[in-house]
PDB file of all heavy atoms in Angstrom:
ATOM      1  N   MET A   1      45.702   0.424  38.386  1.00  0.00           N
ATOM      2  CA  MET A   1      45.979   0.491  39.826  1.00  0.00           C
ATOM      3  C   MET A   1      44.930   1.340  40.529  1.00  0.00           C
ATOM      4  O   MET A   1      44.511   2.391  40.027  1.00  0.00           O
ATOM      5  CB  MET A   1      47.376   1.092  40.066  1.00  0.00           C
ATOM      6  CG  MET A   1      47.809   1.052  41.520  1.00  0.00           C
ATOM      7  SD  MET A   1      49.600   1.376  41.678  1.00  0.00           S
ATOM      8  CE  MET A   1      49.808   1.191  43.450  1.00  0.00           C
ATOM      9  N   ILE A   2      44.482   0.840  41.679  1.00  0.00           N
ATOM     10  CA  ILE A   2      43.611   1.606  42.575  1.00  0.00           C
ATOM     11  C   ILE A   2      44.472   2.055  43.747  1.00  0.00           C
ATOM     12  O   ILE A   2      45.068   1.223  44.435  1.00  0.00           O
ATOM     13  CB  ILE A   2      42.438   0.761  43.090  1.00  0.00           C
ATOM     14  CG1 ILE A   2      41.638   0.168  41.932  1.00  0.00           C
ATOM     15  CG2 ILE A   2      41.520   1.584  43.978  1.00  0.00           C
ATOM     16  CD1 ILE A   2      40.612  -0.861  42.385  1.00  0.00           C
ATOM     17  N   PHE A   3      44.541   3.350  43.996  1.00  0.00           N
ATOM     18  CA  PHE A   3      45.411   3.876  45.041  1.00  0.00           C
ATOM     19  C   PHE A   3      44.680   3.941  46.380  1.00  0.00           C
ATOM     20  O   PHE A   3      43.451   3.830  46.456  1.00  0.00           O
ATOM     21  CB  PHE A   3      45.942   5.253  44.646  1.00  0.00           C
ATOM     22  CG  PHE A   3      46.832   5.212  43.432  1.00  0.00           C
ATOM     23  CD1 PHE A   3      46.308   5.392  42.160  1.00  0.00           C
ATOM     24  CD2 PHE A   3      48.191   4.965  43.564  1.00  0.00           C
ATOM     25  CE1 PHE A   3      47.126   5.332  41.044  1.00  0.00           C
ATOM     26  CE2 PHE A   3      49.014   4.903  42.453  1.00  0.00           C
ATOM     27  CZ  PHE A   3      48.475   5.086  41.194  1.00  0.00           C
ATOM     28  N   GLN A   4      45.455   4.165  47.445  1.00  0.00           N
ATOM     29  CA  GLN A   4      44.923   4.076  48.804  1.00  0.00           C
ATOM     30  C   GLN A   4      43.828   5.090  49.080  1.00  0.00           C
ATOM     31  O   GLN A   4      42.785   4.754  49.610  1.00  0.00           O
ATOM     32  CB  GLN A   4      46.055   4.282  49.814  1.00  0.00           C
ATOM     33  CG  GLN A   4      47.004   3.118  49.938  1.00  0.00           C
ATOM     34  CD  GLN A   4      47.962   3.292  51.100  1.00  0.00           C
ATOM     35  OE1 GLN A   4      47.596   3.811  52.146  1.00  0.00           O
ATOM     36  NE2 GLN A   4      49.196   2.860  50.926  1.00  0.00           N
ATOM     37  N   GLU A   5      44.045   6.346  48.740  1.00  0.00           N
ATOM     38  CA  GLU A   5      43.122   7.407  49.126  1.00  0.00           C
ATOM     39  C   GLU A   5      42.521   8.057  47.881  1.00  0.00           C
ATOM     40  O   GLU A   5      43.189   8.810  47.180  1.00  0.00           O
ATOM     41  CB  GLU A   5      43.856   8.468  49.971  1.00  0.00           C
ATOM     42  CG  GLU A   5      43.009   9.654  50.389  1.00  0.00           C
ATOM     43  CD  GLU A   5      41.637   9.264  50.911  1.00  0.00           C
ATOM     44  OE1 GLU A   5      41.578   8.572  51.938  1.00  0.00           O
ATOM     45  OE2 GLU A   5      40.632   9.635  50.275  1.00  0.00           O
ATOM     46  N   PRO A   6      41.242   7.761  47.576  1.00  0.00           N
ATOM     47  CA  PRO A   6      40.654   8.265  46.339  1.00  0.00           C
ATOM     48  C   PRO A   6      40.536   9.782  46.273  1.00  0.00           C
ATOM     49  O   PRO A   6      40.559  10.359  45.196  1.00  0.00           O
ATOM     50  CB  PRO A   6      39.269   7.604  46.317  1.00  0.00           C
ATOM     51  CG  PRO A   6      38.979   7.256  47.734  1.00  0.00           C
ATOM     52  CD  PRO A   6      40.307   6.936  48.348  1.00  0.00           C
ATOM     53  N   MET A   7      40.422  10.460  47.419  1.00  0.00           N
ATOM     54  CA  MET A   7      40.260  11.915  47.384  1.00  0.00           C
ATOM     55  C   MET A   7      41.525  12.596  46.888  1.00  0.00           C
ATOM     56  O   MET A   7      41.478  13.636  46.234  1.00  0.00           O
ATOM     57  CB  MET A   7      39.902  12.436  48.784  1.00  0.00           C
ATOM     58  CG  MET A   7      39.298  13.842  48.764  1.00  0.00           C
ATOM     59  SD  MET A   7      37.748  13.900  47.856  1.00  0.00           S
ATOM     60  CE  MET A   7      37.863  15.514  47.093  1.00  0.00           C
ATOM     61  N   THR A   8      42.693  12.008  47.176  1.00  0.00           N
ATOM     62  CA  THR A   8      43.939  12.590  46.688  1.00  0.00           C
ATOM     63  C   THR A   8      44.319  12.048  45.312  1.00  0.00           C
ATOM     64  O   THR A   8      45.202  12.600  44.657  1.00  0.00           O
ATOM     65  CB  THR A   8      45.090  12.309  47.675  1.00  0.00           C
ATOM     66  OG1 THR A   8      45.229  10.892  47.844  1.00  0.00           O
ATOM     67  CG2 THR A   8      44.806  12.938  49.022  1.00  0.00           C
ATOM     68  N   SER A   9      43.671  10.971  44.870  1.00  0.00           N
ATOM     69  CA  SER A   9      43.972  10.400  43.560  1.00  0.00           C
ATOM     70  C   SER A   9      43.131  11.033  42.457  1.00  0.00           C
ATOM     71  O   SER A   9      43.531  11.039  41.296  1.00  0.00           O
ATOM     72  CB  SER A   9      43.733   8.884  43.576  1.00  0.00           C
ATOM     73  OG  SER A   9      44.520   8.264  44.564  1.00  0.00           O
ATOM     74  N   LEU A  10      41.937  11.529  42.814  1.00  0.00           N
ATOM     75  CA  LEU A  10      41.073  12.185  41.840  1.00  0.00           C
ATOM     76  C   LEU A  10      41.395  13.676  41.789  1.00  0.00           C
ATOM     77  O   LEU A  10      41.654  14.300  42.810  1.00  0.00           O
ATOM     78  CB  LEU A  10      39.608  11.980  42.213  1.00  0.00           C
ATOM     79  CG  LEU A  10      39.089  10.538  42.123  1.00  0.00           C
ATOM     80  CD1 LEU A  10      37.721  10.417  42.782  1.00  0.00           C
ATOM     81  CD2 LEU A  10      39.020  10.089  40.673  1.00  0.00           C
ATOM     82  N   ASN A  11      41.366  14.231  40.594  1.00  0.00           N
ATOM     83  CA  ASN A  11      41.646  15.657  40.415  1.00  0.00           C
ATOM     84  C   ASN A  11      40.402  16.457  40.793  1.00  0.00           C
ATOM     85  O   ASN A  11      39.333  16.278  40.195  1.00  0.00           O
ATOM     86  CB  ASN A  11      42.027  15.938  38.957  1.00  0.00           C
ATOM     87  CG  ASN A  11      42.621  17.328  38.778  1.00  0.00           C
ATOM     88  OD1 ASN A  11      42.166  18.290  39.372  1.00  0.00           O
ATOM     89  ND2 ASN A  11      43.651  17.421  37.949  1.00  0.00           N
ATOM     90  N   PRO A  12      40.500  17.362  41.782  1.00  0.00           N
ATOM     91  CA  PRO A  12      39.303  18.052  42.277  1.00  0.00           C
ATOM     92  C   PRO A  12      38.701  19.054  41.300  1.00  0.00           C
ATOM     93  O   PRO A  12      37.556  19.480  41.489  1.00  0.00           O
ATOM     94  CB  PRO A  12      39.812  18.765  43.544  1.00  0.00           C
ATOM     95  CG  PRO A  12      41.274  18.950  43.313  1.00  0.00           C
ATOM     96  CD  PRO A  12      41.713  17.747  42.529  1.00  0.00           C
ATOM     97  N   VAL A  13      39.418  19.467  40.253  1.00  0.00           N
ATOM     98  CA  VAL A  13      38.915  20.506  39.345  1.00  0.00           C
ATOM     99  C   VAL A  13      38.335  19.933  38.053  1.00  0.00           C
ATOM    100  O   VAL A  13      37.902  20.691  37.180  1.00  0.00           O
ATOM    101  CB  VAL A  13      40.017  21.534  39.009  1.00  0.00           C
ATOM    102  CG1 VAL A  13      40.533  22.194  40.278  1.00  0.00           C
ATOM    103  CG2 VAL A  13      41.172  20.891  38.251  1.00  0.00           C
ATOM    104  N   TYR A  14      38.344  18.595  37.914  1.00  0.00           N
ATOM    105  CA  TYR A  14      37.751  17.959  36.744  1.00  0.00           C
ATOM    106  C   TYR A  14      36.581  17.087  37.168  1.00  0.00           C
ATOM    107  O   TYR A  14      36.583  16.502  38.260  1.00  0.00           O
ATOM    108  CB  TYR A  14      38.775  17.096  36.007  1.00  0.00           C
ATOM    109  CG  TYR A  14      39.812  17.892  35.253  1.00  0.00           C
ATOM    110  CD1 TYR A  14      41.046  18.162  35.825  1.00  0.00           C
ATOM    111  CD2 TYR A  14      39.551  18.384  33.978  1.00  0.00           C
ATOM    112  CE1 TYR A  14      42.008  18.897  35.150  1.00  0.00           C
ATOM    113  CE2 TYR A  14      40.503  19.117  33.288  1.00  0.00           C
ATOM    114  CZ  TYR A  14      41.726  19.376  33.878  1.00  0.00           C
ATOM    115  OH  TYR A  14      42.658  20.116  33.204  1.00  0.00           O
ATOM    116  N   THR A  15      35.577  16.978  36.307  1.00  0.00           N
ATOM    117  CA  THR A  15      34.430  16.137  36.624  1.00  0.00           C
ATOM    118  C   THR A  15      34.830  14.662  36.584  1.00  0.00           C
ATOM    119  O   THR A  15      35.859  14.286  36.004  1.00  0.00           O
ATOM    120  CB  THR A  15      33.283  16.360  35.621  1.00  0.00           C
ATOM    121  OG1 THR A  15      33.710  15.928  34.317  1.00  0.00           O
ATOM    122  CG2 THR A  15      32.867  17.822  35.575  1.00  0.00           C
ATOM    123  N   ILE A  16      33.987  13.839  37.186  1.00  0.00           N
ATOM    124  CA  ILE A  16      34.215  12.395  37.181  1.00  0.00           C
ATOM    125  C   ILE A  16      34.261  11.878  35.741  1.00  0.00           C
ATOM    126  O   ILE A  16      35.120  11.062  35.383  1.00  0.00           O
ATOM    127  CB  ILE A  16      33.105  11.680  37.973  1.00  0.00           C
ATOM    128  CG1 ILE A  16      33.112  12.120  39.452  1.00  0.00           C
ATOM    129  CG2 ILE A  16      33.238  10.178  37.840  1.00  0.00           C
ATOM    130  CD1 ILE A  16      34.402  11.866  40.171  1.00  0.00           C
ATOM    131  N   GLY A  17      33.346  12.363  34.909  1.00  0.00           N
ATOM    132  CA  GLY A  17      33.319  11.925  33.519  1.00  0.00           C
ATOM    133  C   GLY A  17      34.581  12.270  32.767  1.00  0.00           C
ATOM    134  O   GLY A  17      35.101  11.447  31.993  1.00  0.00           O
ATOM    135  N   ASP A  18      35.111  13.478  32.976  1.00  0.00           N
ATOM    136  CA  ASP A  18      36.348  13.881  32.292  1.00  0.00           C
ATOM    137  C   ASP A  18      37.507  12.965  32.671  1.00  0.00           C
ATOM    138  O   ASP A  18      38.331  12.610  31.821  1.00  0.00           O
ATOM    139  CB  ASP A  18      36.706  15.327  32.658  1.00  0.00           C
ATOM    140  CG  ASP A  18      35.782  16.339  32.003  1.00  0.00           C
ATOM    141  OD1 ASP A  18      35.126  15.967  31.009  1.00  0.00           O
ATOM    142  OD2 ASP A  18      35.723  17.486  32.482  1.00  0.00           O
ATOM    143  N   GLN A  19      37.562  12.570  33.947  1.00  0.00           N
ATOM    144  CA  GLN A  19      38.705  11.789  34.415  1.00  0.00           C
ATOM    145  C   GLN A  19      38.649  10.336  33.935  1.00  0.00           C
ATOM    146  O   GLN A  19      39.680   9.745  33.591  1.00  0.00           O
ATOM    147  CB  GLN A  19      38.784  11.861  35.948  1.00  0.00           C
ATOM    148  CG  GLN A  19      39.054  13.286  36.428  1.00  0.00           C
ATOM    149  CD  GLN A  19      39.251  13.387  37.927  1.00  0.00           C
ATOM    150  OE1 GLN A  19      40.189  12.816  38.468  1.00  0.00           O
ATOM    151  NE2 GLN A  19      38.390  14.119  38.606  1.00  0.00           N
ATOM    152  N   ILE A  20      37.457   9.763  33.886  1.00  0.00           N
ATOM    153  CA  ILE A  20      37.350   8.394  33.366  1.00  0.00           C
ATOM    154  C   ILE A  20      37.539   8.400  31.849  1.00  0.00           C
ATOM    155  O   ILE A  20      38.234   7.549  31.287  1.00  0.00           O
ATOM    156  CB  ILE A  20      36.000   7.772  33.744  1.00  0.00           C
ATOM    157  CG1 ILE A  20      35.847   7.699  35.265  1.00  0.00           C
ATOM    158  CG2 ILE A  20      35.871   6.369  33.145  1.00  0.00           C
ATOM    159  CD1 ILE A  20      34.512   7.162  35.727  1.00  0.00           C
ATOM    160  N   ALA A  21      36.943   9.376  31.186  1.00  0.00           N
ATOM    161  CA  ALA A  21      37.029   9.445  29.720  1.00  0.00           C
ATOM    162  C   ALA A  21      38.468   9.659  29.256  1.00  0.00           C
ATOM    163  O   ALA A  21      38.833   9.223  28.161  1.00  0.00           O
ATOM    164  CB  ALA A  21      36.130  10.554  29.198  1.00  0.00           C
ATOM    165  N   GLU A  22      39.286  10.319  30.081  1.00  0.00           N
ATOM    166  CA  GLU A  22      40.680  10.549  29.690  1.00  0.00           C
ATOM    167  C   GLU A  22      41.398   9.237  29.423  1.00  0.00           C
ATOM    168  O   GLU A  22      42.128   9.100  28.424  1.00  0.00           O
ATOM    169  CB  GLU A  22      41.401  11.331  30.791  1.00  0.00           C
ATOM    170  CG  GLU A  22      42.851  11.632  30.461  1.00  0.00           C
ATOM    171  CD  GLU A  22      43.570  12.364  31.579  1.00  0.00           C
ATOM    172  OE1 GLU A  22      43.013  12.435  32.690  1.00  0.00           O
ATOM    173  OE2 GLU A  22      44.681  12.869  31.343  1.00  0.00           O
ATOM    174  N   ALA A  23      41.209   8.247  30.300  1.00  0.00           N
ATOM    175  CA  ALA A  23      41.850   6.946  30.109  1.00  0.00           C
ATOM    176  C   ALA A  23      41.283   6.233  28.887  1.00  0.00           C
ATOM    177  O   ALA A  23      42.013   5.577  28.129  1.00  0.00           O
ATOM    178  CB  ALA A  23      41.663   6.086  31.356  1.00  0.00           C
ATOM    179  N   VAL A  24      39.975   6.366  28.656  1.00  0.00           N
ATOM    180  CA  VAL A  24      39.330   5.723  27.502  1.00  0.00           C
ATOM    181  C   VAL A  24      39.859   6.331  26.203  1.00  0.00           C
ATOM    182  O   VAL A  24      40.165   5.619  25.242  1.00  0.00           O
ATOM    183  CB  VAL A  24      37.800   5.865  27.599  1.00  0.00           C
ATOM    184  CG1 VAL A  24      37.135   5.296  26.353  1.00  0.00           C
ATOM    185  CG2 VAL A  24      37.277   5.165  28.847  1.00  0.00           C
ATOM    186  N   ILE A  25      39.975   7.652  26.171  1.00  0.00           N
ATOM    187  CA  ILE A  25      40.483   8.340  24.978  1.00  0.00           C
ATOM    188  C   ILE A  25      41.918   7.929  24.689  1.00  0.00           C
ATOM    189  O   ILE A  25      42.297   7.690  23.536  1.00  0.00           O
ATOM    190  CB  ILE A  25      40.374   9.872  25.167  1.00  0.00           C
ATOM    191  CG1 ILE A  25      38.899  10.296  25.175  1.00  0.00           C
ATOM    192  CG2 ILE A  25      41.146  10.610  24.075  1.00  0.00           C
ATOM    193  CD1 ILE A  25      38.686  11.735  25.625  1.00  0.00           C
ATOM    194  N   LEU A  26      42.718   7.814  25.748  1.00  0.00           N
ATOM    195  CA  LEU A  26      44.137   7.492  25.583  1.00  0.00           C
ATOM    196  C   LEU A  26      44.356   6.076  25.082  1.00  0.00           C
ATOM    197  O   LEU A  26      45.187   5.841  24.198  1.00  0.00           O
ATOM    198  CB  LEU A  26      44.865   7.702  26.921  1.00  0.00           C
ATOM    199  CG  LEU A  26      46.370   7.397  26.940  1.00  0.00           C
ATOM    200  CD1 LEU A  26      47.110   8.333  26.007  1.00  0.00           C
ATOM    201  CD2 LEU A  26      46.910   7.500  28.354  1.00  0.00           C
ATOM    202  N   HIS A  27      43.602   5.110  25.618  1.00  0.00           N
ATOM    203  CA  HIS A  27      43.901   3.705  25.348  1.00  0.00           C
ATOM    204  C   HIS A  27      42.961   3.028  24.355  1.00  0.00           C
ATOM    205  O   HIS A  27      43.290   1.973  23.820  1.00  0.00           O
ATOM    206  CB  HIS A  27      43.894   2.910  26.656  1.00  0.00           C
ATOM    207  CG  HIS A  27      44.983   3.301  27.603  1.00  0.00           C
ATOM    208  ND1 HIS A  27      46.313   3.163  27.309  1.00  0.00           N
ATOM    209  CD2 HIS A  27      44.918   3.830  28.860  1.00  0.00           C
ATOM    210  CE1 HIS A  27      47.036   3.589  28.331  1.00  0.00           C
ATOM    211  NE2 HIS A  27      46.221   3.995  29.284  1.00  0.00           N
TER     212      HIS A  27
END
């Protein structure tokens, strides 16, 4: 799912790489 507002959907204290890699690691 892609949510309406990306600034509130992305965690501001983690890097972009950490947030994408989290889903890759999980699945």
